[in-house]
N, C-alpha and C. Protein backbone atom coordinates (compact mmCIF):
# COMPACT_ATOMS: atom_id res chain seq x y z
N MET A 1 70.13 -75.28 23.42
CA MET A 1 70.86 -76.33 24.09
C MET A 1 72.30 -75.92 24.36
N ALA A 2 72.95 -75.26 23.40
CA ALA A 2 74.34 -74.83 23.60
C ALA A 2 74.45 -73.86 24.76
N PHE A 3 73.46 -72.99 24.93
CA PHE A 3 73.48 -72.03 26.03
C PHE A 3 73.47 -72.76 27.37
N LEU A 4 72.59 -73.71 27.51
CA LEU A 4 72.47 -74.47 28.76
C LEU A 4 73.74 -75.27 29.02
N TYR A 5 74.26 -75.91 27.99
CA TYR A 5 75.49 -76.70 28.15
C TYR A 5 76.64 -75.80 28.59
N ALA A 6 76.81 -74.66 27.93
CA ALA A 6 77.89 -73.74 28.30
C ALA A 6 77.72 -73.23 29.72
N GLN A 7 76.49 -72.96 30.11
CA GLN A 7 76.23 -72.48 31.46
C GLN A 7 76.60 -73.54 32.49
N ARG A 8 76.23 -74.78 32.23
CA ARG A 8 76.47 -75.87 33.19
C ARG A 8 77.94 -76.26 33.28
N THR A 9 78.68 -76.13 32.18
CA THR A 9 80.06 -76.60 32.14
C THR A 9 81.09 -75.50 32.26
N GLY A 10 80.66 -74.25 32.13
CA GLY A 10 81.62 -73.14 32.12
C GLY A 10 82.30 -73.00 30.76
N GLY A 11 81.74 -73.66 29.76
CA GLY A 11 82.30 -73.60 28.41
C GLY A 11 81.98 -72.29 27.72
N SER A 12 82.48 -72.16 26.52
CA SER A 12 82.27 -70.96 25.73
C SER A 12 81.52 -71.30 24.46
N ILE A 13 80.88 -70.28 23.89
CA ILE A 13 80.14 -70.45 22.64
C ILE A 13 80.52 -69.34 21.67
N MET A 14 80.40 -69.64 20.38
CA MET A 14 80.68 -68.68 19.32
C MET A 14 79.52 -68.65 18.33
N PRO A 15 78.37 -68.11 18.72
CA PRO A 15 77.23 -68.08 17.81
C PRO A 15 77.51 -67.16 16.61
N GLU A 16 77.02 -67.59 15.45
CA GLU A 16 77.17 -66.76 14.25
C GLU A 16 75.93 -65.89 14.07
N LEU A 17 76.15 -64.59 13.97
CA LEU A 17 75.09 -63.65 13.62
C LEU A 17 75.05 -63.61 12.10
N LYS A 18 73.94 -63.99 11.52
CA LYS A 18 73.85 -64.14 10.08
C LYS A 18 73.80 -62.80 9.34
N ALA A 19 74.37 -62.79 8.15
CA ALA A 19 74.35 -61.60 7.31
C ALA A 19 72.92 -61.15 7.10
N GLY A 20 72.71 -59.86 7.22
CA GLY A 20 71.38 -59.31 7.00
C GLY A 20 70.48 -59.28 8.21
N TRP A 21 70.95 -59.83 9.35
CA TRP A 21 70.11 -59.80 10.54
C TRP A 21 69.83 -58.37 10.96
N THR A 22 68.61 -58.15 11.42
CA THR A 22 68.21 -56.84 11.92
C THR A 22 68.64 -56.70 13.38
N LYS A 23 68.56 -55.48 13.88
CA LYS A 23 68.90 -55.25 15.28
C LYS A 23 67.95 -56.03 16.20
N ASP A 24 66.71 -56.17 15.81
CA ASP A 24 65.76 -56.93 16.63
C ASP A 24 66.15 -58.41 16.69
N GLN A 25 66.63 -58.97 15.59
CA GLN A 25 67.06 -60.37 15.60
C GLN A 25 68.29 -60.54 16.49
N VAL A 26 69.22 -59.60 16.41
CA VAL A 26 70.40 -59.67 17.27
C VAL A 26 70.00 -59.48 18.73
N ARG A 27 69.01 -58.66 18.98
CA ARG A 27 68.51 -58.43 20.35
C ARG A 27 68.00 -59.75 20.96
N ILE A 28 67.33 -60.56 20.16
CA ILE A 28 66.78 -61.83 20.66
C ILE A 28 67.89 -62.75 21.14
N VAL A 29 68.93 -62.94 20.33
CA VAL A 29 70.01 -63.85 20.75
C VAL A 29 70.86 -63.24 21.86
N THR A 30 70.98 -61.92 21.86
CA THR A 30 71.71 -61.27 22.95
C THR A 30 70.98 -61.49 24.27
N ALA A 31 69.67 -61.41 24.24
CA ALA A 31 68.88 -61.65 25.46
C ALA A 31 69.07 -63.08 25.97
N LEU A 32 69.22 -64.04 25.07
CA LEU A 32 69.48 -65.42 25.50
C LEU A 32 70.83 -65.54 26.18
N VAL A 33 71.85 -64.93 25.59
CA VAL A 33 73.18 -64.96 26.21
C VAL A 33 73.12 -64.35 27.60
N GLN A 34 72.43 -63.23 27.72
CA GLN A 34 72.30 -62.56 29.02
C GLN A 34 71.49 -63.41 30.00
N ARG A 35 70.43 -64.03 29.51
CA ARG A 35 69.58 -64.86 30.38
C ARG A 35 70.38 -65.98 31.03
N TYR A 36 71.31 -66.58 30.26
CA TYR A 36 72.11 -67.67 30.77
C TYR A 36 73.41 -67.18 31.42
N GLY A 37 73.62 -65.87 31.47
CA GLY A 37 74.81 -65.31 32.12
C GLY A 37 76.10 -65.65 31.41
N LEU A 38 76.06 -65.73 30.09
CA LEU A 38 77.21 -66.18 29.31
C LEU A 38 77.97 -65.06 28.61
N GLN A 39 77.78 -63.83 29.03
CA GLN A 39 78.41 -62.71 28.34
C GLN A 39 79.93 -62.90 28.23
N SER A 40 80.57 -63.32 29.31
CA SER A 40 82.04 -63.47 29.27
C SER A 40 82.48 -64.79 28.65
N HIS A 41 81.52 -65.62 28.25
CA HIS A 41 81.83 -66.92 27.62
C HIS A 41 81.35 -66.97 26.17
N THR A 42 81.05 -65.81 25.61
CA THR A 42 80.49 -65.76 24.26
C THR A 42 81.34 -64.87 23.37
N VAL A 43 81.53 -65.30 22.14
CA VAL A 43 82.12 -64.47 21.09
C VAL A 43 81.16 -64.51 19.91
N TRP A 44 80.56 -63.36 19.59
CA TRP A 44 79.74 -63.28 18.38
C TRP A 44 80.66 -63.35 17.19
N GLN A 45 80.24 -64.03 16.14
CA GLN A 45 80.99 -64.05 14.88
C GLN A 45 80.02 -63.82 13.73
N SER A 46 80.54 -63.16 12.68
CA SER A 46 79.70 -62.91 11.51
C SER A 46 80.57 -62.54 10.32
N PHE A 47 80.06 -62.87 9.14
CA PHE A 47 80.67 -62.40 7.89
C PHE A 47 80.23 -60.98 7.58
N ASP A 48 79.22 -60.50 8.28
CA ASP A 48 78.62 -59.18 8.04
C ASP A 48 78.90 -58.29 9.24
N PRO A 49 79.58 -57.17 9.06
CA PRO A 49 79.88 -56.31 10.21
C PRO A 49 78.65 -55.61 10.80
N VAL A 50 77.57 -55.52 10.05
CA VAL A 50 76.39 -54.80 10.55
C VAL A 50 75.80 -55.47 11.80
N PRO A 51 75.50 -56.77 11.79
CA PRO A 51 74.99 -57.37 13.03
C PRO A 51 75.99 -57.32 14.18
N LEU A 52 77.28 -57.31 13.85
CA LEU A 52 78.28 -57.18 14.90
C LEU A 52 78.24 -55.78 15.54
N ARG A 53 77.97 -54.77 14.75
CA ARG A 53 77.78 -53.42 15.31
C ARG A 53 76.53 -53.38 16.18
N TYR A 54 75.46 -54.02 15.73
CA TYR A 54 74.25 -54.09 16.56
C TYR A 54 74.56 -54.79 17.89
N ALA A 55 75.32 -55.87 17.82
CA ALA A 55 75.67 -56.61 19.04
C ALA A 55 76.43 -55.71 20.01
N TYR A 56 77.34 -54.91 19.48
CA TYR A 56 78.09 -53.97 20.33
C TYR A 56 77.15 -52.96 20.99
N GLU A 57 76.22 -52.43 20.21
CA GLU A 57 75.27 -51.45 20.74
C GLU A 57 74.38 -52.06 21.83
N LEU A 58 74.02 -53.32 21.67
CA LEU A 58 73.12 -53.98 22.62
C LEU A 58 73.82 -54.44 23.90
N ASP A 59 75.05 -54.92 23.78
CA ASP A 59 75.81 -55.37 24.94
C ASP A 59 77.29 -55.39 24.59
N PRO A 60 78.00 -54.30 24.85
CA PRO A 60 79.41 -54.24 24.48
C PRO A 60 80.31 -55.20 25.27
N SER A 61 79.77 -55.83 26.32
CA SER A 61 80.59 -56.76 27.09
C SER A 61 80.78 -58.10 26.39
N ILE A 62 79.99 -58.37 25.36
CA ILE A 62 80.12 -59.63 24.62
C ILE A 62 81.08 -59.41 23.46
N ALA A 63 82.12 -60.24 23.39
CA ALA A 63 83.16 -60.10 22.37
C ALA A 63 82.60 -60.32 20.96
N ARG A 64 83.28 -59.71 19.98
CA ARG A 64 82.87 -59.78 18.58
C ARG A 64 84.07 -60.09 17.69
N ALA A 65 83.84 -60.91 16.66
CA ALA A 65 84.90 -61.29 15.73
C ALA A 65 84.35 -61.37 14.32
N GLY A 66 85.11 -60.86 13.37
CA GLY A 66 84.68 -60.83 11.98
C GLY A 66 85.20 -62.00 11.17
N LEU A 67 84.29 -62.79 10.63
CA LEU A 67 84.64 -63.88 9.72
C LEU A 67 84.97 -63.31 8.34
N VAL A 68 86.02 -63.85 7.72
CA VAL A 68 86.44 -63.38 6.41
C VAL A 68 86.79 -64.58 5.53
N SER A 69 86.27 -64.58 4.31
CA SER A 69 86.65 -65.60 3.33
C SER A 69 86.93 -64.91 2.01
N GLY A 70 87.52 -65.62 1.08
CA GLY A 70 87.79 -65.04 -0.23
C GLY A 70 89.02 -64.17 -0.23
N SER A 71 88.90 -62.97 0.30
CA SER A 71 90.04 -62.06 0.41
C SER A 71 89.89 -61.22 1.67
N LEU A 72 91.02 -60.73 2.14
CA LEU A 72 91.00 -59.88 3.33
C LEU A 72 90.46 -58.50 3.00
N PRO A 73 89.87 -57.82 3.98
CA PRO A 73 89.52 -56.41 3.76
C PRO A 73 90.79 -55.61 3.48
N ALA A 74 90.67 -54.51 2.77
CA ALA A 74 91.83 -53.68 2.45
C ALA A 74 92.58 -53.28 3.71
N ASP A 75 91.85 -52.98 4.76
CA ASP A 75 92.45 -52.65 6.05
C ASP A 75 91.79 -53.52 7.12
N PRO A 76 92.37 -54.68 7.40
CA PRO A 76 91.72 -55.60 8.34
C PRO A 76 91.58 -55.04 9.75
N VAL A 77 92.50 -54.19 10.17
CA VAL A 77 92.39 -53.58 11.50
C VAL A 77 91.17 -52.67 11.55
N ALA A 78 91.02 -51.80 10.56
CA ALA A 78 89.87 -50.89 10.51
C ALA A 78 88.57 -51.68 10.41
N TYR A 79 88.59 -52.79 9.69
CA TYR A 79 87.40 -53.63 9.57
C TYR A 79 86.94 -54.11 10.95
N VAL A 80 87.87 -54.64 11.75
CA VAL A 80 87.52 -55.14 13.08
C VAL A 80 87.16 -53.99 14.02
N GLU A 81 87.89 -52.90 13.93
CA GLU A 81 87.61 -51.76 14.81
C GLU A 81 86.25 -51.13 14.51
N ALA A 82 85.75 -51.28 13.29
CA ALA A 82 84.45 -50.69 12.91
C ALA A 82 83.29 -51.27 13.72
N PHE A 83 83.43 -52.51 14.18
CA PHE A 83 82.38 -53.10 15.02
C PHE A 83 82.89 -53.31 16.45
N HIS A 84 83.96 -52.61 16.81
CA HIS A 84 84.54 -52.68 18.15
C HIS A 84 84.89 -54.11 18.51
N GLY A 85 85.48 -54.82 17.53
CA GLY A 85 85.78 -56.23 17.71
C GLY A 85 87.09 -56.50 18.40
N GLN A 86 87.29 -57.75 18.72
CA GLN A 86 88.51 -58.21 19.36
C GLN A 86 89.34 -59.13 18.47
N ALA A 87 88.73 -59.62 17.38
CA ALA A 87 89.44 -60.61 16.57
C ALA A 87 88.96 -60.64 15.14
N LEU A 88 89.85 -61.10 14.30
CA LEU A 88 89.55 -61.41 12.90
C LEU A 88 89.57 -62.92 12.77
N LEU A 89 88.58 -63.47 12.06
CA LEU A 89 88.48 -64.91 11.85
C LEU A 89 88.58 -65.20 10.35
N PRO A 90 89.80 -65.21 9.82
CA PRO A 90 89.96 -65.44 8.38
C PRO A 90 89.99 -66.92 8.03
N ALA A 91 89.63 -67.21 6.78
CA ALA A 91 89.84 -68.56 6.25
C ALA A 91 91.33 -68.86 6.33
N THR A 92 91.67 -70.11 6.55
CA THR A 92 93.05 -70.54 6.73
C THR A 92 93.99 -70.00 5.65
N ALA A 93 93.56 -70.04 4.40
CA ALA A 93 94.42 -69.61 3.29
C ALA A 93 94.81 -68.14 3.37
N LEU A 94 94.07 -67.34 4.12
CA LEU A 94 94.34 -65.90 4.20
C LEU A 94 95.35 -65.52 5.28
N VAL A 95 95.71 -66.47 6.13
CA VAL A 95 96.60 -66.16 7.25
C VAL A 95 98.06 -66.17 6.79
N THR A 96 98.73 -65.05 7.06
CA THR A 96 100.15 -64.91 6.74
C THR A 96 100.86 -64.29 7.94
N PRO A 97 102.18 -64.44 8.00
CA PRO A 97 102.90 -63.76 9.07
C PRO A 97 102.69 -62.24 9.05
N ALA A 98 102.57 -61.65 7.86
CA ALA A 98 102.34 -60.20 7.77
C ALA A 98 100.99 -59.81 8.37
N LEU A 99 99.95 -60.60 8.09
CA LEU A 99 98.65 -60.34 8.70
C LEU A 99 98.75 -60.43 10.21
N MET A 100 99.44 -61.44 10.70
CA MET A 100 99.58 -61.62 12.14
C MET A 100 100.28 -60.41 12.77
N ARG A 101 101.35 -59.93 12.15
CA ARG A 101 102.06 -58.76 12.69
C ARG A 101 101.15 -57.55 12.73
N THR A 102 100.39 -57.34 11.67
CA THR A 102 99.48 -56.19 11.59
C THR A 102 98.42 -56.25 12.68
N MET A 103 97.78 -57.39 12.81
CA MET A 103 96.70 -57.52 13.78
C MET A 103 97.22 -57.46 15.21
N HIS A 104 98.33 -58.13 15.47
CA HIS A 104 98.90 -58.11 16.82
C HIS A 104 99.38 -56.72 17.20
N ALA A 105 99.92 -55.97 16.26
CA ALA A 105 100.36 -54.60 16.55
C ALA A 105 99.18 -53.74 16.99
N ALA A 106 97.99 -54.07 16.52
CA ALA A 106 96.78 -53.35 16.90
C ALA A 106 96.10 -53.95 18.13
N GLY A 107 96.69 -55.00 18.70
CA GLY A 107 96.11 -55.64 19.87
C GLY A 107 94.94 -56.54 19.56
N LEU A 108 94.86 -57.03 18.33
CA LEU A 108 93.74 -57.87 17.89
C LEU A 108 94.21 -59.30 17.65
N ALA A 109 93.33 -60.24 17.92
CA ALA A 109 93.64 -61.66 17.74
C ALA A 109 93.23 -62.12 16.34
N VAL A 110 93.83 -63.23 15.93
CA VAL A 110 93.48 -63.89 14.66
C VAL A 110 93.26 -65.37 14.95
N VAL A 111 92.06 -65.85 14.61
CA VAL A 111 91.71 -67.25 14.77
C VAL A 111 91.26 -67.76 13.40
N ALA A 112 91.99 -68.71 12.86
CA ALA A 112 91.73 -69.19 11.50
C ALA A 112 90.70 -70.31 11.49
N TRP A 113 89.99 -70.40 10.37
CA TRP A 113 89.02 -71.48 10.15
C TRP A 113 89.18 -71.96 8.72
N THR A 114 88.70 -72.99 8.34
CA THR A 114 88.61 -74.25 9.01
C THR A 114 89.85 -75.03 8.62
N ALA A 115 90.70 -75.28 9.56
CA ALA A 115 91.99 -75.95 9.34
C ALA A 115 91.87 -77.39 9.81
N ASP A 116 91.98 -78.33 8.86
CA ASP A 116 91.73 -79.73 9.19
C ASP A 116 92.90 -80.67 8.94
N THR A 117 94.05 -80.12 8.54
CA THR A 117 95.18 -81.00 8.25
C THR A 117 96.42 -80.56 9.02
N PRO A 118 97.35 -81.49 9.27
CA PRO A 118 98.60 -81.10 9.92
C PRO A 118 99.35 -80.01 9.15
N GLY A 119 99.25 -80.02 7.83
CA GLY A 119 99.89 -78.96 7.05
C GLY A 119 99.31 -77.59 7.37
N ASP A 120 97.98 -77.53 7.49
CA ASP A 120 97.32 -76.27 7.88
C ASP A 120 97.77 -75.84 9.27
N TRP A 121 97.78 -76.77 10.19
CA TRP A 121 98.11 -76.45 11.58
C TRP A 121 99.54 -75.95 11.70
N THR A 122 100.45 -76.58 10.95
CA THR A 122 101.85 -76.16 10.96
C THR A 122 101.97 -74.74 10.41
N LYS A 123 101.30 -74.47 9.29
CA LYS A 123 101.34 -73.14 8.68
C LYS A 123 100.81 -72.08 9.64
N LEU A 124 99.68 -72.35 10.26
CA LEU A 124 99.05 -71.37 11.15
C LEU A 124 99.89 -71.14 12.41
N THR A 125 100.46 -72.21 12.95
CA THR A 125 101.30 -72.08 14.13
C THR A 125 102.55 -71.27 13.80
N ALA A 126 103.17 -71.57 12.67
CA ALA A 126 104.36 -70.83 12.26
C ALA A 126 104.05 -69.35 12.03
N ALA A 127 102.87 -69.06 11.52
CA ALA A 127 102.49 -67.66 11.26
C ALA A 127 102.17 -66.92 12.56
N GLY A 128 101.85 -67.66 13.62
CA GLY A 128 101.53 -67.02 14.90
C GLY A 128 100.06 -66.86 15.18
N ALA A 129 99.22 -67.68 14.52
CA ALA A 129 97.78 -67.59 14.75
C ALA A 129 97.46 -67.79 16.23
N ASP A 130 96.47 -67.05 16.70
CA ASP A 130 96.07 -67.13 18.10
C ASP A 130 95.16 -68.32 18.38
N GLY A 131 94.55 -68.85 17.34
CA GLY A 131 93.66 -69.98 17.50
C GLY A 131 93.36 -70.63 16.17
N ILE A 132 92.87 -71.85 16.25
CA ILE A 132 92.54 -72.64 15.07
C ILE A 132 91.15 -73.25 15.27
N MET A 133 90.26 -73.04 14.32
CA MET A 133 88.97 -73.73 14.31
C MET A 133 89.11 -74.90 13.34
N SER A 134 88.64 -76.07 13.77
CA SER A 134 88.83 -77.28 12.97
C SER A 134 87.64 -78.21 13.12
N ASN A 135 87.38 -78.97 12.07
CA ASN A 135 86.41 -80.06 12.14
C ASN A 135 87.05 -81.33 12.66
N SER A 136 88.38 -81.31 12.79
CA SER A 136 89.15 -82.48 13.21
C SER A 136 89.76 -82.22 14.58
N VAL A 137 88.91 -81.95 15.55
CA VAL A 137 89.38 -81.50 16.87
C VAL A 137 90.26 -82.54 17.55
N GLY A 138 89.86 -83.79 17.53
CA GLY A 138 90.66 -84.84 18.18
C GLY A 138 92.06 -84.93 17.58
N GLU A 139 92.13 -84.89 16.26
CA GLU A 139 93.42 -84.95 15.59
C GLU A 139 94.24 -83.70 15.90
N LEU A 140 93.59 -82.55 15.93
CA LEU A 140 94.30 -81.30 16.24
C LEU A 140 94.87 -81.33 17.66
N ILE A 141 94.10 -81.83 18.61
CA ILE A 141 94.59 -81.92 19.99
C ILE A 141 95.82 -82.83 20.05
N GLY A 142 95.78 -83.95 19.36
CA GLY A 142 96.94 -84.84 19.31
C GLY A 142 98.14 -84.18 18.67
N TRP A 143 97.89 -83.45 17.59
CA TRP A 143 98.97 -82.75 16.90
C TRP A 143 99.59 -81.70 17.82
N ILE A 144 98.76 -80.95 18.54
CA ILE A 144 99.27 -79.92 19.46
C ILE A 144 100.14 -80.56 20.54
N SER A 145 99.70 -81.70 21.06
CA SER A 145 100.49 -82.40 22.08
C SER A 145 101.86 -82.77 21.55
N ARG A 146 101.90 -83.29 20.32
CA ARG A 146 103.18 -83.67 19.73
C ARG A 146 104.01 -82.43 19.40
N TYR A 147 103.39 -81.38 18.93
CA TYR A 147 104.08 -80.14 18.55
C TYR A 147 104.75 -79.51 19.77
N ASN A 148 104.08 -79.57 20.91
CA ASN A 148 104.58 -78.92 22.12
C ASN A 148 105.61 -79.75 22.88
N GLN A 149 105.95 -80.93 22.40
CA GLN A 149 106.94 -81.78 23.10
C GLN A 149 108.34 -81.29 22.81
């Protein structure tokens, strides 16, 4: 359903490739993205870099981003570059101005998850996050409007 909706509206999707998925499993979802012509509207995300590498091998035109929780990889740039990714998706608590400087110096984006409070949004904006994933989208949109005034 998300594929059809994105195709009809021009929206974007961020399907999660699950840890442990085989190349054949990634091939199935890649074929769906291709079938609906959503390559430029899709960002694969995963906590596991292996399916993200498979995704790159199957269709390098589809963007890839690494989900991170708990702690950052020792070298977050190398982590993302290992699957030819475009972004790191760390848990909100892991985002710092130093991380932002490191990732931006390498030309990589940082989109934090899951930030649901104005305190989180303020912290992430001040740090320079490129994006925020939230369960409180309506509230976040209102906060952004007020922040940008």
